N, C-alpha and C. Protein backbone atom coordinates (compact mmCIF):
# COMPACT_ATOMS: atom_id res chain seq x y z
N MET A 1 -18.18 -64.08 -49.43
CA MET A 1 -18.52 -62.92 -50.22
C MET A 1 -17.38 -62.52 -51.15
N HIS A 2 -16.14 -62.59 -50.67
CA HIS A 2 -15.01 -62.18 -51.49
C HIS A 2 -14.44 -63.31 -52.33
N ASP A 3 -15.11 -64.45 -52.34
CA ASP A 3 -14.64 -65.58 -53.14
C ASP A 3 -15.25 -65.57 -54.53
N MET A 4 -15.75 -64.43 -54.94
CA MET A 4 -16.38 -64.32 -56.24
C MET A 4 -15.30 -64.16 -57.31
N PRO A 5 -15.51 -64.80 -58.46
CA PRO A 5 -14.56 -64.60 -59.56
C PRO A 5 -14.49 -63.12 -59.94
N GLY A 6 -13.30 -62.66 -60.18
CA GLY A 6 -13.12 -61.27 -60.60
C GLY A 6 -13.04 -60.27 -59.47
N TYR A 7 -13.17 -60.74 -58.21
CA TYR A 7 -13.07 -59.81 -57.08
C TYR A 7 -11.63 -59.34 -56.95
N ASP A 8 -11.43 -58.04 -56.86
CA ASP A 8 -10.09 -57.47 -56.73
C ASP A 8 -9.74 -57.36 -55.25
N TYR A 9 -8.90 -58.24 -54.76
CA TYR A 9 -8.50 -58.27 -53.36
C TYR A 9 -7.55 -57.13 -53.00
N HIS A 10 -7.09 -56.38 -53.98
CA HIS A 10 -6.11 -55.33 -53.74
C HIS A 10 -6.71 -53.93 -53.64
N ILE A 11 -8.00 -53.80 -53.75
CA ILE A 11 -8.63 -52.49 -53.73
C ILE A 11 -8.47 -51.80 -52.38
N ASP A 12 -8.67 -52.50 -51.30
CA ASP A 12 -8.63 -51.88 -49.98
C ASP A 12 -7.57 -52.55 -49.11
N ILE A 13 -6.41 -51.96 -49.10
CA ILE A 13 -5.33 -52.44 -48.24
C ILE A 13 -5.07 -51.31 -47.25
N PRO A 14 -5.53 -51.45 -46.01
CA PRO A 14 -5.41 -50.35 -45.04
C PRO A 14 -3.98 -49.81 -44.94
N GLY A 15 -3.87 -48.49 -45.01
CA GLY A 15 -2.58 -47.83 -44.89
C GLY A 15 -1.75 -47.83 -46.16
N THR A 16 -2.30 -48.34 -47.25
CA THR A 16 -1.55 -48.45 -48.50
C THR A 16 -2.19 -47.59 -49.58
N THR A 17 -1.37 -46.83 -50.26
CA THR A 17 -1.83 -46.08 -51.42
C THR A 17 -1.61 -46.96 -52.64
N ILE A 18 -2.68 -47.32 -53.32
CA ILE A 18 -2.60 -48.18 -54.49
C ILE A 18 -2.18 -47.33 -55.69
N PHE A 19 -1.12 -47.77 -56.37
CA PHE A 19 -0.67 -47.06 -57.57
C PHE A 19 -1.35 -47.69 -58.77
N ASP A 20 -2.46 -47.07 -59.17
CA ASP A 20 -3.23 -47.57 -60.30
C ASP A 20 -3.20 -46.54 -61.42
N GLY A 21 -4.02 -46.72 -62.41
CA GLY A 21 -4.03 -45.79 -63.55
C GLY A 21 -4.35 -44.37 -63.15
N LYS A 22 -5.28 -44.21 -62.22
CA LYS A 22 -5.65 -42.87 -61.76
C LYS A 22 -4.46 -42.19 -61.08
N MET A 23 -3.75 -42.95 -60.23
CA MET A 23 -2.58 -42.39 -59.55
C MET A 23 -1.44 -42.12 -60.53
N ALA A 24 -1.32 -42.97 -61.54
CA ALA A 24 -0.28 -42.76 -62.56
C ALA A 24 -0.51 -41.44 -63.29
N MET A 25 -1.77 -41.16 -63.59
CA MET A 25 -2.09 -39.88 -64.25
C MET A 25 -1.82 -38.72 -63.31
N LYS A 26 -2.23 -38.85 -62.06
CA LYS A 26 -2.04 -37.79 -61.07
C LYS A 26 -0.55 -37.47 -60.88
N GLY A 27 0.28 -38.51 -60.90
CA GLY A 27 1.70 -38.33 -60.61
C GLY A 27 2.60 -38.26 -61.81
N TYR A 28 2.03 -38.16 -63.01
CA TYR A 28 2.85 -38.23 -64.23
C TYR A 28 4.01 -37.23 -64.21
N ALA A 29 3.72 -35.96 -63.97
CA ALA A 29 4.78 -34.94 -63.99
C ALA A 29 5.82 -35.19 -62.90
N LEU A 30 5.36 -35.55 -61.72
CA LEU A 30 6.24 -35.85 -60.59
C LEU A 30 7.16 -37.02 -60.93
N ASN A 31 6.59 -38.09 -61.47
CA ASN A 31 7.39 -39.27 -61.80
C ASN A 31 8.33 -38.99 -62.95
N LYS A 32 7.91 -38.17 -63.89
CA LYS A 32 8.79 -37.79 -65.00
C LYS A 32 9.98 -37.01 -64.46
N MET A 33 9.74 -36.09 -63.54
CA MET A 33 10.82 -35.33 -62.94
C MET A 33 11.78 -36.27 -62.21
N CYS A 34 11.23 -37.17 -61.40
CA CYS A 34 12.08 -38.09 -60.63
C CYS A 34 12.85 -39.04 -61.52
N TYR A 35 12.26 -39.46 -62.64
CA TYR A 35 12.97 -40.32 -63.58
C TYR A 35 14.22 -39.60 -64.08
N GLY A 36 14.11 -38.30 -64.27
CA GLY A 36 15.25 -37.51 -64.73
C GLY A 36 16.42 -37.53 -63.76
N PHE A 37 16.14 -37.86 -62.49
CA PHE A 37 17.21 -37.90 -61.49
C PHE A 37 18.14 -39.10 -61.68
N ASN A 38 17.89 -39.92 -62.68
CA ASN A 38 18.84 -40.96 -63.04
C ASN A 38 20.15 -40.35 -63.50
N LYS A 39 20.09 -39.11 -63.99
CA LYS A 39 21.29 -38.41 -64.45
C LYS A 39 21.79 -37.48 -63.36
N ALA A 40 23.07 -37.59 -63.06
CA ALA A 40 23.68 -36.78 -62.01
C ALA A 40 23.49 -35.28 -62.26
N GLU A 41 23.58 -34.86 -63.51
CA GLU A 41 23.44 -33.43 -63.78
C GLU A 41 22.04 -32.92 -63.45
N ASN A 42 21.03 -33.77 -63.59
CA ASN A 42 19.67 -33.37 -63.22
C ASN A 42 19.52 -33.29 -61.70
N ARG A 43 20.14 -34.21 -60.99
CA ARG A 43 20.10 -34.15 -59.52
C ARG A 43 20.76 -32.87 -59.03
N GLU A 44 21.88 -32.51 -59.64
CA GLU A 44 22.59 -31.29 -59.24
C GLU A 44 21.78 -30.05 -59.60
N ALA A 45 21.16 -30.05 -60.77
CA ALA A 45 20.33 -28.91 -61.19
C ALA A 45 19.14 -28.73 -60.25
N PHE A 46 18.54 -29.83 -59.85
CA PHE A 46 17.42 -29.76 -58.90
C PHE A 46 17.88 -29.16 -57.58
N LYS A 47 19.01 -29.63 -57.06
CA LYS A 47 19.50 -29.12 -55.77
C LYS A 47 19.84 -27.63 -55.87
N ALA A 48 20.27 -27.18 -57.03
CA ALA A 48 20.64 -25.77 -57.22
C ALA A 48 19.41 -24.87 -57.31
N ASP A 49 18.29 -25.39 -57.84
CA ASP A 49 17.08 -24.57 -58.00
C ASP A 49 15.84 -25.46 -57.95
N GLU A 50 15.49 -25.89 -56.75
CA GLU A 50 14.36 -26.80 -56.58
C GLU A 50 13.07 -26.21 -57.13
N GLU A 51 12.80 -24.96 -56.80
CA GLU A 51 11.54 -24.33 -57.24
C GLU A 51 11.47 -24.27 -58.76
N GLY A 52 12.53 -23.85 -59.38
CA GLY A 52 12.56 -23.77 -60.84
C GLY A 52 12.41 -25.13 -61.49
N TRP A 53 13.05 -26.13 -60.88
CA TRP A 53 12.97 -27.50 -61.42
C TRP A 53 11.55 -28.03 -61.31
N MET A 54 10.87 -27.77 -60.18
CA MET A 54 9.49 -28.23 -60.01
C MET A 54 8.57 -27.52 -61.00
N GLU A 55 8.82 -26.24 -61.20
CA GLU A 55 8.02 -25.46 -62.14
C GLU A 55 8.21 -25.98 -63.56
N LYS A 56 9.44 -26.30 -63.90
CA LYS A 56 9.77 -26.83 -65.23
C LYS A 56 8.93 -28.05 -65.57
N TYR A 57 8.69 -28.89 -64.57
CA TYR A 57 7.93 -30.12 -64.80
C TYR A 57 6.44 -29.97 -64.54
N GLY A 58 6.01 -28.80 -64.08
CA GLY A 58 4.58 -28.55 -63.90
C GLY A 58 3.95 -29.30 -62.74
N LEU A 59 4.70 -29.44 -61.64
CA LEU A 59 4.16 -30.13 -60.47
C LEU A 59 3.00 -29.34 -59.87
N THR A 60 2.07 -30.06 -59.26
CA THR A 60 0.95 -29.41 -58.59
C THR A 60 1.48 -28.76 -57.31
N GLU A 61 0.68 -27.90 -56.73
CA GLU A 61 1.09 -27.25 -55.48
C GLU A 61 1.27 -28.28 -54.36
N ALA A 62 0.38 -29.28 -54.31
CA ALA A 62 0.51 -30.32 -53.28
C ALA A 62 1.80 -31.12 -53.47
N GLN A 63 2.16 -31.41 -54.70
CA GLN A 63 3.42 -32.12 -54.97
C GLN A 63 4.62 -31.26 -54.59
N LYS A 64 4.56 -29.98 -54.93
CA LYS A 64 5.65 -29.07 -54.57
C LYS A 64 5.83 -28.99 -53.06
N GLU A 65 4.72 -28.90 -52.35
CA GLU A 65 4.79 -28.80 -50.89
C GLU A 65 5.39 -30.07 -50.28
N ALA A 66 5.01 -31.22 -50.81
CA ALA A 66 5.58 -32.47 -50.32
C ALA A 66 7.08 -32.54 -50.62
N ILE A 67 7.49 -32.04 -51.77
CA ILE A 67 8.93 -31.98 -52.12
C ILE A 67 9.64 -31.08 -51.11
N ARG A 68 9.07 -29.91 -50.87
CA ARG A 68 9.70 -28.96 -49.93
C ARG A 68 9.86 -29.57 -48.54
N LYS A 69 8.89 -30.36 -48.13
CA LYS A 69 8.92 -30.98 -46.80
C LYS A 69 9.71 -32.29 -46.77
N ARG A 70 10.17 -32.75 -47.95
CA ARG A 70 10.85 -34.05 -48.07
C ARG A 70 9.93 -35.17 -47.58
N ASP A 71 8.65 -35.01 -47.90
CA ASP A 71 7.60 -35.91 -47.44
C ASP A 71 7.35 -37.00 -48.49
N VAL A 72 8.11 -38.08 -48.40
CA VAL A 72 8.00 -39.14 -49.40
C VAL A 72 6.61 -39.78 -49.36
N LEU A 73 6.05 -39.97 -48.18
CA LEU A 73 4.70 -40.54 -48.11
C LEU A 73 3.68 -39.61 -48.73
N GLY A 74 3.86 -38.30 -48.55
CA GLY A 74 2.99 -37.33 -49.20
C GLY A 74 3.11 -37.39 -50.71
N LEU A 75 4.33 -37.62 -51.19
CA LEU A 75 4.54 -37.74 -52.64
C LEU A 75 3.86 -38.99 -53.19
N ILE A 76 3.89 -40.07 -52.42
CA ILE A 76 3.18 -41.28 -52.84
C ILE A 76 1.68 -40.99 -52.93
N ALA A 77 1.15 -40.27 -51.96
CA ALA A 77 -0.27 -39.90 -51.97
C ALA A 77 -0.60 -38.99 -53.14
N GLU A 78 0.39 -38.26 -53.64
CA GLU A 78 0.18 -37.35 -54.77
C GLU A 78 0.52 -37.99 -56.12
N GLY A 79 0.61 -39.33 -56.13
CA GLY A 79 0.80 -40.04 -57.39
C GLY A 79 2.22 -40.49 -57.66
N GLY A 80 3.10 -40.29 -56.69
CA GLY A 80 4.48 -40.72 -56.89
C GLY A 80 4.62 -42.23 -56.84
N ASN A 81 5.40 -42.76 -57.75
CA ASN A 81 5.70 -44.19 -57.79
C ASN A 81 7.00 -44.40 -57.03
N ILE A 82 7.01 -45.34 -56.10
CA ILE A 82 8.16 -45.53 -55.22
C ILE A 82 9.45 -45.76 -56.02
N TYR A 83 9.37 -46.39 -57.17
CA TYR A 83 10.58 -46.66 -57.95
C TYR A 83 11.19 -45.38 -58.50
N TYR A 84 10.36 -44.42 -58.84
CA TYR A 84 10.87 -43.11 -59.28
C TYR A 84 11.25 -42.26 -58.07
N LEU A 85 10.44 -42.33 -57.02
CA LEU A 85 10.72 -41.54 -55.82
C LEU A 85 12.02 -41.96 -55.14
N ALA A 86 12.45 -43.18 -55.38
CA ALA A 86 13.72 -43.64 -54.79
C ALA A 86 14.86 -42.73 -55.25
N LYS A 87 14.82 -42.26 -56.47
CA LYS A 87 15.86 -41.35 -56.97
C LYS A 87 15.78 -40.01 -56.25
N PHE A 88 14.56 -39.52 -56.03
CA PHE A 88 14.39 -38.27 -55.27
C PHE A 88 14.92 -38.45 -53.85
N ALA A 89 14.50 -39.53 -53.20
CA ALA A 89 14.92 -39.78 -51.83
C ALA A 89 16.43 -39.90 -51.73
N GLY A 90 17.03 -40.52 -52.74
CA GLY A 90 18.48 -40.70 -52.75
C GLY A 90 19.25 -39.39 -52.77
N ILE A 91 18.68 -38.35 -53.34
CA ILE A 91 19.33 -37.03 -53.36
C ILE A 91 19.58 -36.56 -51.94
N PHE A 92 18.71 -36.95 -51.03
CA PHE A 92 18.80 -36.50 -49.64
C PHE A 92 19.31 -37.59 -48.71
N GLY A 93 19.91 -38.63 -49.31
CA GLY A 93 20.53 -39.67 -48.51
C GLY A 93 19.58 -40.70 -47.94
N LEU A 94 18.35 -40.76 -48.44
CA LEU A 94 17.39 -41.76 -47.98
C LEU A 94 17.44 -42.98 -48.89
N SER A 95 17.46 -44.17 -48.30
CA SER A 95 17.44 -45.40 -49.07
C SER A 95 16.01 -45.91 -49.21
N VAL A 96 15.83 -46.93 -50.02
CA VAL A 96 14.52 -47.55 -50.15
C VAL A 96 14.10 -48.15 -48.80
N GLN A 97 15.08 -48.65 -48.02
CA GLN A 97 14.76 -49.18 -46.70
C GLN A 97 14.28 -48.07 -45.76
N ASP A 98 14.86 -46.87 -45.88
CA ASP A 98 14.38 -45.74 -45.09
C ASP A 98 12.91 -45.46 -45.41
N VAL A 99 12.59 -45.44 -46.70
CA VAL A 99 11.22 -45.17 -47.13
C VAL A 99 10.30 -46.30 -46.67
N GLY A 100 10.77 -47.55 -46.76
CA GLY A 100 9.97 -48.67 -46.27
C GLY A 100 9.65 -48.52 -44.80
N GLY A 101 10.62 -48.05 -44.04
CA GLY A 101 10.38 -47.78 -42.62
C GLY A 101 9.31 -46.73 -42.42
N LEU A 102 9.39 -45.66 -43.22
CA LEU A 102 8.38 -44.60 -43.14
C LEU A 102 7.00 -45.17 -43.43
N GLN A 103 6.91 -46.00 -44.46
CA GLN A 103 5.62 -46.54 -44.87
C GLN A 103 5.02 -47.47 -43.83
N THR A 104 5.86 -48.14 -43.07
CA THR A 104 5.37 -49.13 -42.12
C THR A 104 5.37 -48.64 -40.69
N GLY A 105 5.83 -47.41 -40.47
CA GLY A 105 5.88 -46.88 -39.11
C GLY A 105 7.00 -47.46 -38.28
N LYS A 106 8.02 -48.00 -38.96
CA LYS A 106 9.16 -48.58 -38.27
C LYS A 106 10.39 -47.70 -38.50
N THR A 107 11.38 -47.85 -37.66
CA THR A 107 12.67 -47.22 -37.95
C THR A 107 13.30 -47.99 -39.10
N THR A 108 14.32 -47.41 -39.69
CA THR A 108 15.00 -48.11 -40.77
C THR A 108 15.56 -49.44 -40.29
N GLU A 109 16.16 -49.44 -39.11
CA GLU A 109 16.73 -50.69 -38.58
C GLU A 109 15.64 -51.73 -38.31
N GLU A 110 14.51 -51.29 -37.77
CA GLU A 110 13.40 -52.22 -37.54
C GLU A 110 12.89 -52.79 -38.86
N PHE A 111 12.81 -51.94 -39.87
CA PHE A 111 12.34 -52.39 -41.18
C PHE A 111 13.32 -53.39 -41.79
N LYS A 112 14.62 -53.11 -41.69
CA LYS A 112 15.62 -54.04 -42.21
C LYS A 112 15.55 -55.38 -41.49
N ALA A 113 15.35 -55.34 -40.19
CA ALA A 113 15.23 -56.58 -39.42
C ALA A 113 13.98 -57.35 -39.85
N TYR A 114 12.90 -56.63 -40.08
CA TYR A 114 11.67 -57.27 -40.55
C TYR A 114 11.93 -57.95 -41.89
N LEU A 115 12.59 -57.26 -42.82
CA LEU A 115 12.87 -57.85 -44.13
C LEU A 115 13.72 -59.10 -43.99
N ALA A 116 14.73 -59.04 -43.13
CA ALA A 116 15.61 -60.18 -42.93
C ALA A 116 14.85 -61.37 -42.34
N SER A 117 13.86 -61.08 -41.50
CA SER A 117 13.09 -62.16 -40.87
C SER A 117 12.16 -62.86 -41.87
N GLN A 118 11.89 -62.20 -42.98
CA GLN A 118 10.98 -62.74 -44.00
C GLN A 118 11.71 -63.60 -45.02
N ALA A 119 13.04 -63.57 -44.99
CA ALA A 119 13.82 -64.30 -46.02
C ALA A 119 13.84 -65.79 -45.78
């Protein structure tokens, strides 16, 4: 059934939020804000006034709540792209491996070991 030409095998990946055009639109303001964290002065400004910074970028209430909770998986569900969210996570000392662990239900060390076993 799934051997048909044009079948998208990536539509349903259990436990995975697919970052497609719809999610890109949903997360545009969030990702724009996180892109700004490439600059140290923006990271410092965010830490000094998180609420004001979120308001400046027009984040949705759900995005703001996920930011307040430091809920990276929630931010992904709200349209966040992991490459932009890595800058947000880095403000709080989280690495991409930490986030990978969160996404897979593993500890950071378990996730790193998994990655090493795949090399």
